[in-house]
Each structure stands twice: as C-alpha cells, then as structure tokens.
Amino acid sequence: MNKKKIMYWIVPLALLLLIGTILLVRSITCSSPPHTQQKWYELNWMADPILDQVLLFYLGEAWTKMTDINECLQTASRVKKDDPESWAREWRKTAERLHALADSLLVKGHRKSAGEAYLRAASYYRATMHRHMHPDSPEIKELTEREISCFIKSQQLLEAPMELVSVPYERIRLTGYFYRSPKAVGKAPTLIVHQGRDAWAEDCKYIADEAVRRGYHCLLIDGPGNGQALRRHGLAFRPDWESFIRPVVDYLISRPEVDPKAIGLMGMSMGGFLAGRAAAHEPRIRVLIVNPGILDWGEVFFNKLKDYGPTLITLYQTSPAALNAVLQVAGSLSPFLLWGLTDTMWKHGARTPSELLDSMKYFTNQEGVGKIKATTLVIDTEAEEFGQSKQFYEALTCEKDYMLFTEEEAAPLHVQTGSLALASQRIFDWIDEK
C-alpha cells in the first residue's frame, strides 16, 4: 500500500479517536452521579457534593468538642469554589490560629483551655489534608506532625485516660492511642477502632470516650492507608487487613488489663470492609461492628466509577493505556477528578488509574464472610452511598444483628455524619447487651 493510501486511512481514524476522546472527557468532567430533589442535609456550600459532606463531617464533630461550629462555617465561607487549592489553604489558616491560641493559653497556665484549643487545632489540620491537591508534597508530613502533636497535647492537658502506645507492625512500629477505662475492674473488654479511606484514628476519639465511660478499654489506631500510617510511613491500603489486625491483637493481649477473650473490632466507612475481612481470618476477634457492612469494596468502587462515566469501565476492559490517557486529560480539566484520582492512587500505592482498578479486584470478602465467628453488628443508613450492609448481613453465618439509622431520626448519612450523639448511644447500648 502506498503512502497516499495509508494517509487516506490514518487521518480520518486519528480524527475519530481525537473526537471520541474529547467527547469522553466532556462526559466525565461534566457529569455527576444521578441526583434527585435536594435533601435537607445537602449544604450546597462547596465546589462539589463530596466536599459538602466533608464540611458536614467536621461540623458533626462539634458535638465531641473536636471542632466548633462557627469556626467550621467561617473557614468554609473563605473557601473559593473556583480555586481547588483554597480548601487546604483556608483550613490550614484556621488550624494555625487555634494552634497559636493553644500555645498562648498554655503559657498563661490555662491548661484546660489550651487542651481544648489543641484538640480543635488537630481536627483542622486533618481537615486541611482531607482535600489536599498534592499528597506527595513535603507539606503533608509537616501537617501530619503538627496534627499528632496537637492531639497528644490535648489529651494530656485534658487529663484523658489515654496512653500513647507503639504497636509492632512488620519492620516498623505504629502509633496508637490506648484509652484505659477507670471504671474497669481487672481484665476488661477492649475495642479496637479504625477508620477507612479518609478519616483518621483521632476522629474516633468520641468512640473512645464512650467506651471508657461504660467500662471498656479502647485502642484507636491507623493501619496501612489510614491517617498517620499512610502519611508518616508511606503505607498504602492492603486487602489482607488481617495482616494488620493480627499484630494489634497480639499487642493487646500482652497488656494485663485486657481480657483476651473479649476483644472487639469496629471499622468505619471503608473500614467496614477492612474490619470484616480481618475478622474472617482472626478468630480472636469476638465482637465485630461494621459501619457500614461491605462485602466487596472493589464492587462499590467500580459502581461509583460507572456513576461518573459508564464508558470508563469499557475502556478499562478494552484498553488500559487508553483509559490512563483519557483520565489524564480529564484530570487536567476537572479539579475534582484530578484530586480523586491522585488521592486514591496514592492511598492504594498505584501508579496509574488502570493499576488502581487492577488492585481493587482484591478488595473483596466474598469467600471469607462465611468464616466470621464474631458476634457481629451490621450498621446501615437510609442514605448510604458506599455500603452493602444488607448484602453483608445476609452473607453472615454467625450470631448477628442489623441496625438501621433513618431520616426520621435525623441520622440517614454514611457513618451517621452529623448524628454522632444518637449513633454512639445506639451502638454502645448494643455492645452493652452483648
């Protein structure tokens, strides 16, 4: 075939490919998940619905004294919708202001007030990193160390029954917060609590407070992909979560105040999948709480991806290289998509979008769920977006309970965001009964 004929075919094909890519990118960057009439809990303050939920998350922590409502609202009012760097910049300003206030109060001898200010500063440092456009920036490690320092100071100054602990994990040691209940007599039940994709161990302080109030010890700790384990040690998520929980249980049973036959595990958000996976392979977990229940996190992730761009899955299946190229272009046009891709690949240790999707196939508990022996509480909400609670509950063969939070009781959101008082009461009443 001569050059003229080759060019005759190549030019139209190249144009078709270019037009197809442009249309696909437009569909990704301009579309959003199906949306019905606005709900009362939808704020419409931020640049996208996910960031609105993040704001509500920090507003909800005001009940625990980890934030203050007007500090959150005032910070959010300074965030510019058309500036993707604005969220991190404005929350850092608030965190630094509260950090400086805490330092000055401590110098003046106001230890309780300083502790409260340090606690809120720690929360605002975490908020800074909740939507940071550059997870590999040196700023992340700096903010992480400030967050940890402020949180530890807050607990010391507020005289919380918290002990900073170091848990061996492979070749390193992970920092955890062990809350010892002053009401416990002898060896007592102990609850391990961890988060999922976005929140940190420190965000669970209200759970530890409720635990010790009721006579249980509590360990808050980040595993691979969580909070400080990711940012301090570079540990990405791993699907075999039992590899993390096993040494945590080893550590707990070495403590004289812990009853080795009464160890519970609570996983929040994506942690609902992780905790369920761990309990399937760690028989020393006697009580399991998944909030929400998730049978297959990879399936949840793929379904969310379909909401934003149904053709992405087809492209991934037919040409991973083309998927990577299209998402690179789309990311340059959509700050939300750019953040979502960058942040998720970082947390999963993936170098490309197609590699991320490859790894998601392993985040399943389909075969393990029937092995869970722990008495299990599966938590669900009426507006749940990321869970498979009914599916998980039905697959369990152990002693189990299902708990639904509803819109009528103002608690319909994922992990009961904004409804922590009610959630704490209902969940710990169930633990008391068990």
Protein backbone atom coordinates (compact mmCIF):
# COMPACT_ATOMS: atom_id res chain seq x y z
CA MET A 1 0.00 0.00 0.00
CA ASN A 2 1.48 3.40 -0.95
CA LYS A 3 1.84 6.39 1.36
CA LYS A 4 -1.18 8.19 -0.11
CA LYS A 5 -3.48 5.29 0.73
CA ILE A 6 -2.01 4.95 4.22
CA MET A 7 -2.60 8.64 4.92
CA TYR A 8 -6.08 8.31 3.44
CA TRP A 9 -7.00 5.92 6.28
CA ILE A 10 -4.82 7.23 9.12
CA VAL A 11 -6.03 10.85 9.09
CA PRO A 12 -9.77 10.02 9.48
CA LEU A 13 -9.01 7.42 12.15
CA ALA A 14 -6.88 9.88 14.10
CA LEU A 15 -9.65 12.49 13.89
CA LEU A 16 -12.24 9.96 15.08
CA LEU A 17 -10.00 8.99 18.01
CA LEU A 18 -9.48 12.64 18.92
CA ILE A 19 -13.21 13.43 18.73
CA GLY A 20 -14.06 10.32 20.77
CA THR A 21 -11.55 11.26 23.45
CA ILE A 22 -12.91 14.82 23.66
CA LEU A 23 -16.49 13.55 23.98
CA LEU A 24 -15.49 11.04 26.64
CA VAL A 25 -13.59 13.64 28.63
CA ARG A 26 -16.55 16.02 28.43
CA SER A 27 -18.89 13.28 29.67
CA ILE A 28 -16.61 12.57 32.63
CA THR A 29 -15.89 16.13 33.69
CA CYS A 30 -19.40 17.46 33.14
CA SER A 31 -21.37 14.58 34.60
CA SER A 32 -22.16 13.74 38.19
CA PRO A 33 -23.96 10.84 39.85
CA PRO A 34 -27.75 10.72 39.42
CA HIS A 35 -29.36 13.29 41.67
CA THR A 36 -32.91 13.68 42.91
CA GLN A 37 -34.57 16.57 44.72
CA GLN A 38 -32.30 18.31 47.24
CA LYS A 39 -32.34 16.84 50.74
CA TRP A 40 -32.28 18.86 53.93
CA TYR A 41 -28.72 17.73 54.73
CA GLU A 42 -27.26 18.81 51.37
CA LEU A 43 -25.43 22.06 52.06
CA ASN A 44 -24.51 23.24 48.52
CA TRP A 45 -21.73 25.35 50.01
CA MET A 46 -18.69 23.78 48.41
CA ALA A 47 -17.47 23.15 44.88
CA ASP A 48 -18.81 19.58 44.79
CA PRO A 49 -21.16 17.34 46.85
CA ILE A 50 -18.29 15.30 48.33
CA LEU A 51 -16.71 18.43 49.80
CA ASP A 52 -20.10 19.42 51.22
CA GLN A 53 -20.18 16.07 53.03
CA VAL A 54 -16.67 16.68 54.33
CA LEU A 55 -17.77 20.03 55.76
CA LEU A 56 -20.74 18.35 57.42
CA PHE A 57 -18.36 15.73 58.83
CA TYR A 58 -16.35 18.41 60.65
CA LEU A 59 -19.48 20.27 61.73
CA GLY A 60 -20.66 16.99 63.25
CA GLU A 61 -17.51 16.71 65.35
CA ALA A 62 -18.57 19.83 67.27
CA TRP A 63 -20.70 17.58 69.49
CA THR A 64 -17.49 15.89 70.61
CA LYS A 65 -15.67 19.23 71.22
CA MET A 66 -13.25 18.31 68.44
CA THR A 67 -14.44 21.31 66.39
CA ASP A 68 -16.59 24.38 66.92
CA ILE A 69 -19.50 25.11 64.57
CA ASN A 70 -18.72 28.73 63.79
CA GLU A 71 -15.02 28.03 63.30
CA CYS A 72 -16.01 25.49 60.66
CA LEU A 73 -18.59 27.75 59.00
CA GLN A 74 -16.29 30.76 58.98
CA THR A 75 -13.48 28.70 57.43
CA ALA A 76 -15.82 27.24 54.82
CA SER A 77 -17.04 30.72 53.90
CA ARG A 78 -13.48 31.64 52.87
CA VAL A 79 -13.10 28.63 50.55
CA LYS A 80 -13.43 29.66 46.89
CA LYS A 81 -15.34 27.25 44.66
CA ASP A 82 -13.22 28.05 41.62
CA ASP A 83 -9.89 27.57 43.43
CA PRO A 84 -9.08 23.88 44.14
CA GLU A 85 -6.18 24.88 46.43
CA SER A 86 -8.45 27.06 48.56
CA TRP A 87 -9.83 24.35 50.86
CA ALA A 88 -6.43 23.27 52.18
CA ARG A 89 -5.15 26.84 52.41
CA GLU A 90 -8.08 28.16 54.48
CA TRP A 91 -8.28 25.18 56.87
CA ARG A 92 -4.56 25.47 57.48
CA LYS A 93 -5.03 29.13 58.45
CA THR A 94 -7.69 28.15 60.98
CA ALA A 95 -5.57 25.28 62.32
CA GLU A 96 -2.56 27.55 62.78
CA ARG A 97 -4.68 30.20 64.50
CA LEU A 98 -6.03 27.67 67.02
CA HIS A 99 -2.55 26.16 67.43
CA ALA A 100 -1.13 29.58 68.30
CA LEU A 101 -4.05 30.25 70.65
CA ALA A 102 -3.40 26.96 72.45
CA ASP A 103 0.31 27.79 72.84
CA SER A 104 -0.50 31.19 74.33
CA LEU A 105 -3.10 29.76 76.71
CA LEU A 106 -0.62 27.16 77.92
CA VAL A 107 2.00 29.84 78.63
CA LYS A 108 -0.61 31.66 80.74
CA GLY A 109 -1.31 28.49 82.71
CA HIS A 110 -4.79 27.83 81.30
CA ARG A 111 -4.23 24.12 80.81
CA LYS A 112 -7.84 23.05 80.18
CA SER A 113 -8.50 25.84 77.71
CA ALA A 114 -5.20 25.11 75.97
CA GLY A 115 -6.13 21.42 75.73
CA GLU A 116 -9.46 22.25 74.12
CA ALA A 117 -7.79 24.58 71.60
CA TYR A 118 -5.13 21.96 70.74
CA LEU A 119 -7.89 19.40 70.18
CA ARG A 120 -9.67 21.65 67.67
CA ALA A 121 -6.38 22.61 66.00
CA ALA A 122 -5.66 18.91 65.45
CA SER A 123 -9.06 18.49 63.76
CA TYR A 124 -8.44 21.46 61.48
CA TYR A 125 -5.03 20.12 60.48
CA ARG A 126 -6.77 16.89 59.47
CA ALA A 127 -9.36 18.91 57.56
CA THR A 128 -6.51 20.63 55.70
CA MET A 129 -5.37 17.25 54.40
CA HIS A 130 -8.87 15.96 53.65
CA ARG A 131 -8.83 17.69 50.26
CA HIS A 132 -5.19 18.44 49.53
CA MET A 133 -4.31 18.56 45.84
CA HIS A 134 -0.69 17.45 46.37
CA PRO A 135 -0.48 14.38 48.65
CA ASP A 136 3.21 13.92 47.86
CA SER A 137 4.06 17.46 48.97
CA PRO A 138 6.52 17.89 51.91
CA GLU A 139 3.74 19.97 53.48
CA ILE A 140 1.80 16.76 54.20
CA LYS A 141 4.44 15.40 56.58
CA GLU A 142 4.71 18.79 58.28
CA LEU A 143 0.93 18.99 58.77
CA THR A 144 0.83 15.38 59.98
CA GLU A 145 3.40 16.00 62.71
CA ARG A 146 1.54 19.14 63.82
CA GLU A 147 -1.75 17.23 63.92
CA ILE A 148 -0.29 14.42 66.02
CA SER A 149 1.48 16.81 68.38
CA CYS A 150 -1.67 18.89 68.95
CA PHE A 151 -3.82 15.81 69.55
CA ILE A 152 -1.40 14.30 72.07
CA LYS A 153 -1.05 17.62 73.93
CA SER A 154 -4.83 17.97 74.05
CA GLN A 155 -5.28 14.58 75.69
CA GLN A 156 -2.52 15.20 78.20
CA LEU A 157 -3.80 18.64 79.18
CA LEU A 158 -7.41 17.46 79.37
CA GLU A 159 -6.27 14.51 81.52
CA ALA A 160 -7.86 11.94 79.23
CA PRO A 161 -7.12 8.33 80.29
CA MET A 162 -5.03 7.96 77.12
CA GLU A 163 -1.67 6.27 76.77
CA LEU A 164 0.44 6.75 73.66
CA VAL A 165 1.41 3.25 72.52
CA SER A 166 3.71 1.75 69.89
CA VAL A 167 2.46 -1.39 68.12
CA PRO A 168 4.94 -3.57 66.16
CA TYR A 169 3.93 -4.00 62.53
CA GLU A 170 6.28 -5.76 60.14
CA ARG A 171 9.54 -3.75 60.21
CA ILE A 172 8.14 -0.60 61.86
CA ARG A 173 6.07 0.45 64.85
CA LEU A 174 2.69 2.16 64.52
CA THR A 175 1.45 4.81 66.93
CA GLY A 176 -1.84 4.15 68.66
CA TYR A 177 -3.91 5.70 71.43
CA PHE A 178 -4.90 3.30 74.22
CA TYR A 179 -7.75 4.60 76.40
CA ARG A 180 -7.90 2.74 79.72
CA SER A 181 -11.26 2.86 81.44
CA PRO A 182 -11.05 3.93 85.08
CA LYS A 183 -14.32 2.03 85.62
CA ALA A 184 -12.87 -1.31 84.56
CA VAL A 185 -12.02 -3.83 87.28
CA GLY A 186 -9.46 -6.48 86.48
CA LYS A 187 -9.25 -7.64 82.90
CA ALA A 188 -11.85 -5.85 80.80
CA PRO A 189 -13.28 -5.95 77.25
CA THR A 190 -11.32 -3.86 74.75
CA LEU A 191 -12.47 -2.33 71.48
CA ILE A 192 -10.14 -1.71 68.53
CA VAL A 193 -11.37 1.13 66.31
CA HIS A 194 -10.06 2.23 62.93
CA GLN A 195 -11.30 4.34 60.06
CA GLY A 196 -11.30 3.80 56.29
CA ARG A 197 -10.38 5.86 53.25
CA ASP A 198 -10.36 9.44 54.57
CA ALA A 199 -10.68 9.84 58.34
CA TRP A 200 -8.01 9.23 60.99
CA ALA A 201 -7.83 7.34 64.28
CA GLU A 202 -8.10 10.69 66.07
CA ASP A 203 -11.53 11.23 64.52
CA CYS A 204 -12.73 8.30 66.66
CA LYS A 205 -11.96 9.97 69.99
CA TYR A 206 -15.68 10.23 70.74
CA ILE A 207 -15.92 6.42 70.46
CA ALA A 208 -13.06 6.01 72.94
CA ASP A 209 -14.75 8.50 75.31
CA GLU A 210 -17.97 6.49 75.22
CA ALA A 211 -16.11 3.20 75.65
CA VAL A 212 -14.24 4.22 78.79
CA ARG A 213 -17.38 5.80 80.23
CA ARG A 214 -19.05 2.40 80.00
CA GLY A 215 -16.13 0.37 81.38
CA TYR A 216 -14.39 -0.75 78.19
CA HIS A 217 -10.82 -0.07 77.15
CA CYS A 218 -10.35 1.25 73.62
CA LEU A 219 -7.47 1.34 71.14
CA LEU A 220 -7.59 3.89 68.33
CA ILE A 221 -5.06 3.12 65.62
CA ASP A 222 -4.35 3.76 61.93
CA GLY A 223 -3.42 0.89 59.64
CA PRO A 224 -1.99 0.89 56.11
CA GLY A 225 -3.74 3.54 54.01
CA ASN A 226 -5.19 5.29 57.11
CA GLY A 227 -4.24 8.63 58.65
CA GLN A 228 -0.73 8.81 60.00
CA ALA A 229 0.27 5.28 58.91
CA LEU A 230 -0.02 6.48 55.33
CA ARG A 231 1.47 9.93 55.84
CA ARG A 232 4.25 9.03 58.29
CA HIS A 233 5.29 5.67 56.93
CA GLY A 234 4.03 5.62 53.33
CA LEU A 235 1.91 2.50 53.95
CA ALA A 236 -0.77 2.01 51.29
CA PHE A 237 -4.01 0.05 51.75
CA ARG A 238 -3.78 -3.72 51.61
CA PRO A 239 -6.76 -6.06 51.15
CA ASP A 240 -5.50 -8.68 53.64
CA TRP A 241 -6.33 -6.46 56.61
CA GLU A 242 -5.84 -9.37 58.99
CA SER A 243 -2.09 -8.84 58.45
CA PHE A 244 -2.50 -5.55 60.30
CA ILE A 245 -5.11 -6.59 62.90
CA ARG A 246 -3.24 -9.75 63.96
CA PRO A 247 -0.23 -7.90 65.49
CA VAL A 248 -2.65 -5.38 67.03
CA VAL A 249 -4.43 -8.22 68.84
CA ASP A 250 -1.04 -9.69 69.81
CA TYR A 251 -0.16 -6.36 71.39
CA LEU A 252 -3.45 -6.05 73.26
CA ILE A 253 -3.36 -9.50 74.83
CA SER A 254 0.11 -8.68 76.17
CA ARG A 255 -1.46 -5.96 78.34
CA PRO A 256 -2.54 -7.08 81.83
CA GLU A 257 -5.76 -5.03 81.83
CA VAL A 258 -7.10 -6.55 78.59
CA ASP A 259 -9.38 -9.59 78.62
CA PRO A 260 -8.04 -11.69 75.70
CA LYS A 261 -11.44 -13.35 75.30
CA ALA A 262 -13.31 -10.06 74.96
CA ILE A 263 -11.67 -8.14 72.11
CA GLY A 264 -13.92 -6.27 69.69
CA LEU A 265 -13.21 -4.58 66.36
CA MET A 266 -15.05 -1.61 64.85
CA GLY A 267 -14.40 -0.41 61.28
CA MET A 268 -15.78 2.87 59.97
CA SER A 269 -16.56 3.75 56.32
CA MET A 270 -14.24 1.71 54.04
CA GLY A 271 -13.06 0.33 57.37
CA GLY A 272 -16.33 -1.63 57.37
CA PHE A 273 -14.86 -3.76 54.60
CA LEU A 274 -11.42 -3.92 56.20
CA ALA A 275 -12.71 -4.96 59.64
CA GLY A 276 -14.97 -7.61 58.14
CA ARG A 277 -12.08 -9.01 56.13
CA ALA A 278 -9.85 -9.11 59.23
CA ALA A 279 -12.48 -10.82 61.40
CA ALA A 280 -12.86 -13.56 58.78
CA HIS A 281 -9.22 -14.54 59.37
CA GLU A 282 -8.57 -13.51 63.01
CA PRO A 283 -10.64 -15.73 65.37
CA ARG A 284 -9.59 -13.79 68.48
CA ILE A 285 -11.99 -11.01 67.44
CA ARG A 286 -15.11 -11.83 69.49
CA VAL A 287 -17.30 -8.84 68.60
CA LEU A 288 -17.36 -7.13 65.20
CA ILE A 289 -19.02 -3.83 64.29
CA VAL A 290 -19.03 -2.77 60.64
CA ASN A 291 -20.26 0.74 59.83
CA PRO A 292 -21.36 0.10 57.10
CA GLY A 293 -21.20 -3.54 56.08
CA ILE A 294 -19.24 -4.06 52.86
CA LEU A 295 -18.87 -7.41 51.16
CA ASP A 296 -16.83 -6.27 48.16
CA TRP A 297 -15.14 -2.86 48.25
CA GLY A 298 -13.92 -3.29 44.68
CA GLU A 299 -17.53 -3.63 43.52
CA VAL A 300 -18.50 -0.46 45.42
CA PHE A 301 -15.63 1.39 43.77
CA PHE A 302 -16.47 0.17 40.25
CA ASN A 303 -20.15 1.08 40.71
CA LYS A 304 -19.20 4.61 41.78
CA LEU A 305 -16.96 4.89 38.73
CA LYS A 306 -19.87 3.88 36.50
CA ASP A 307 -21.96 6.69 38.01
CA TYR A 308 -19.42 9.26 36.83
CA GLY A 309 -18.59 7.73 33.44
CA PRO A 310 -20.13 4.42 32.31
CA THR A 311 -17.74 4.21 29.36
CA LEU A 312 -14.72 4.19 31.68
CA ILE A 313 -15.25 0.55 32.62
CA THR A 314 -15.50 -0.46 28.97
CA LEU A 315 -12.34 1.48 28.18
CA TYR A 316 -10.53 -0.16 31.10
CA GLN A 317 -11.52 -3.60 29.87
CA THR A 318 -10.52 -2.94 26.26
CA SER A 319 -7.50 -0.64 26.54
CA PRO A 320 -5.99 0.23 29.94
CA ALA A 321 -3.44 2.51 28.25
CA ALA A 322 -6.24 4.48 26.58
CA LEU A 323 -8.04 4.76 29.95
CA ASN A 324 -4.90 6.22 31.53
CA ALA A 325 -4.55 8.75 28.70
CA VAL A 326 -8.20 9.82 28.81
CA LEU A 327 -8.22 10.25 32.59
CA GLN A 328 -5.02 12.27 32.41
CA VAL A 329 -6.72 14.71 30.04
CA ALA A 330 -9.93 14.68 32.08
CA GLY A 331 -7.99 15.37 35.26
CA SER A 332 -6.46 18.48 33.73
CA LEU A 333 -10.00 19.79 33.07
CA SER A 334 -11.66 18.77 36.35
CA PRO A 335 -10.01 19.60 39.71
CA PHE A 336 -12.40 17.22 41.48
CA LEU A 337 -11.48 14.33 39.21
CA LEU A 338 -7.79 15.19 39.44
CA TRP A 339 -7.92 15.13 43.23
CA GLY A 340 -10.00 11.94 43.29
CA LEU A 341 -7.56 10.10 41.02
CA THR A 342 -4.39 11.39 42.62
CA ASP A 343 -5.60 10.84 46.17
CA THR A 344 -6.98 7.34 45.57
CA MET A 345 -3.92 6.13 43.64
CA TRP A 346 -1.69 7.46 46.44
CA LYS A 347 -3.68 5.69 49.14
CA HIS A 348 -3.61 2.41 47.23
CA GLY A 349 0.01 2.66 46.08
CA ALA A 350 -0.97 2.63 42.39
CA ARG A 351 1.00 4.42 39.68
CA THR A 352 -1.78 4.65 37.07
CA PRO A 353 -5.60 4.58 37.03
CA SER A 354 -5.64 1.16 35.37
CA GLU A 355 -3.26 -0.20 38.02
CA LEU A 356 -5.62 1.17 40.68
CA LEU A 357 -8.55 -0.64 39.09
CA ASP A 358 -6.48 -3.82 38.89
CA SER A 359 -5.81 -3.66 42.65
CA MET A 360 -9.46 -3.09 43.53
CA LYS A 361 -10.34 -6.62 42.42
CA TYR A 362 -8.57 -7.96 45.51
CA PHE A 363 -10.59 -5.87 47.99
CA THR A 364 -13.29 -8.50 48.43
CA ASN A 365 -14.56 -10.63 51.29
CA GLN A 366 -16.92 -12.77 49.23
CA GLU A 367 -15.17 -16.01 50.22
CA GLY A 368 -14.28 -15.00 53.78
CA VAL A 369 -17.55 -13.60 55.13
CA GLY A 370 -18.87 -17.08 55.98
CA LYS A 371 -15.82 -17.68 58.18
CA ILE A 372 -16.61 -14.82 60.57
CA LYS A 373 -17.34 -16.22 64.04
CA ALA A 374 -17.54 -12.97 65.99
CA THR A 375 -20.90 -11.70 67.15
CA THR A 376 -21.50 -9.05 64.50
CA LEU A 377 -23.40 -5.76 64.30
CA VAL A 378 -24.02 -4.54 60.75
CA ILE A 379 -24.88 -0.84 60.59
CA ASP A 380 -26.81 0.74 57.74
CA THR A 381 -28.33 4.13 56.92
CA GLU A 382 -31.19 5.11 54.63
CA ALA A 383 -28.99 7.41 52.53
CA GLU A 384 -25.94 5.12 52.49
CA GLU A 385 -23.79 5.67 49.38
CA PHE A 386 -20.81 3.37 49.91
CA GLY A 387 -22.11 0.32 51.77
CA GLN A 388 -23.55 -3.13 51.11
CA SER A 389 -24.95 -3.68 54.59
CA LYS A 390 -27.92 -5.89 53.72
CA GLN A 391 -25.81 -7.96 51.35
CA PHE A 392 -23.12 -8.37 54.03
CA TYR A 393 -25.66 -9.17 56.75
CA GLU A 394 -27.34 -11.85 54.67
CA ALA A 395 -23.99 -13.50 53.87
CA LEU A 396 -23.04 -13.84 57.56
CA THR A 397 -23.49 -17.21 59.25
CA CYS A 398 -22.52 -16.08 62.78
CA GLU A 399 -24.66 -14.50 65.51
CA LYS A 400 -25.63 -11.15 64.01
CA ASP A 401 -27.77 -8.01 64.29
CA TYR A 402 -28.74 -5.34 61.78
CA MET A 403 -29.10 -1.69 62.85
CA LEU A 404 -30.65 0.90 60.53
CA PHE A 405 -30.35 4.66 61.04
CA THR A 406 -33.17 6.62 59.41
CA GLU A 407 -34.04 10.04 58.07
CA GLU A 408 -36.85 10.30 60.63
CA GLU A 409 -34.29 10.24 63.45
CA ALA A 410 -32.02 12.70 61.54
CA ALA A 411 -29.33 10.08 61.00
CA PRO A 412 -29.56 8.89 57.37
CA LEU A 413 -25.99 9.58 56.24
CA HIS A 414 -22.90 7.43 55.73
CA VAL A 415 -21.26 6.70 59.15
CA GLN A 416 -24.04 8.81 60.73
CA THR A 417 -22.27 12.06 59.83
CA GLY A 418 -23.78 14.85 61.91
CA SER A 419 -25.61 12.36 64.17
CA LEU A 420 -22.81 11.11 66.42
CA ALA A 421 -24.75 11.51 69.68
CA LEU A 422 -27.51 9.16 68.56
CA ALA A 423 -25.08 6.77 66.87
CA SER A 424 -22.92 6.46 69.99
CA GLN A 425 -25.94 5.77 72.18
CA ARG A 426 -27.45 3.08 69.96
CA ILE A 427 -24.19 1.32 69.10
CA PHE A 428 -22.89 1.19 72.68
CA ASP A 429 -26.24 0.07 74.01
CA TRP A 430 -25.90 -2.89 71.64
CA ILE A 431 -22.35 -3.56 72.88
CA ASP A 432 -23.60 -3.43 76.49
CA GLU A 433 -26.26 -6.03 75.65
CA LYS A 434 -23.64 -8.34 74.14
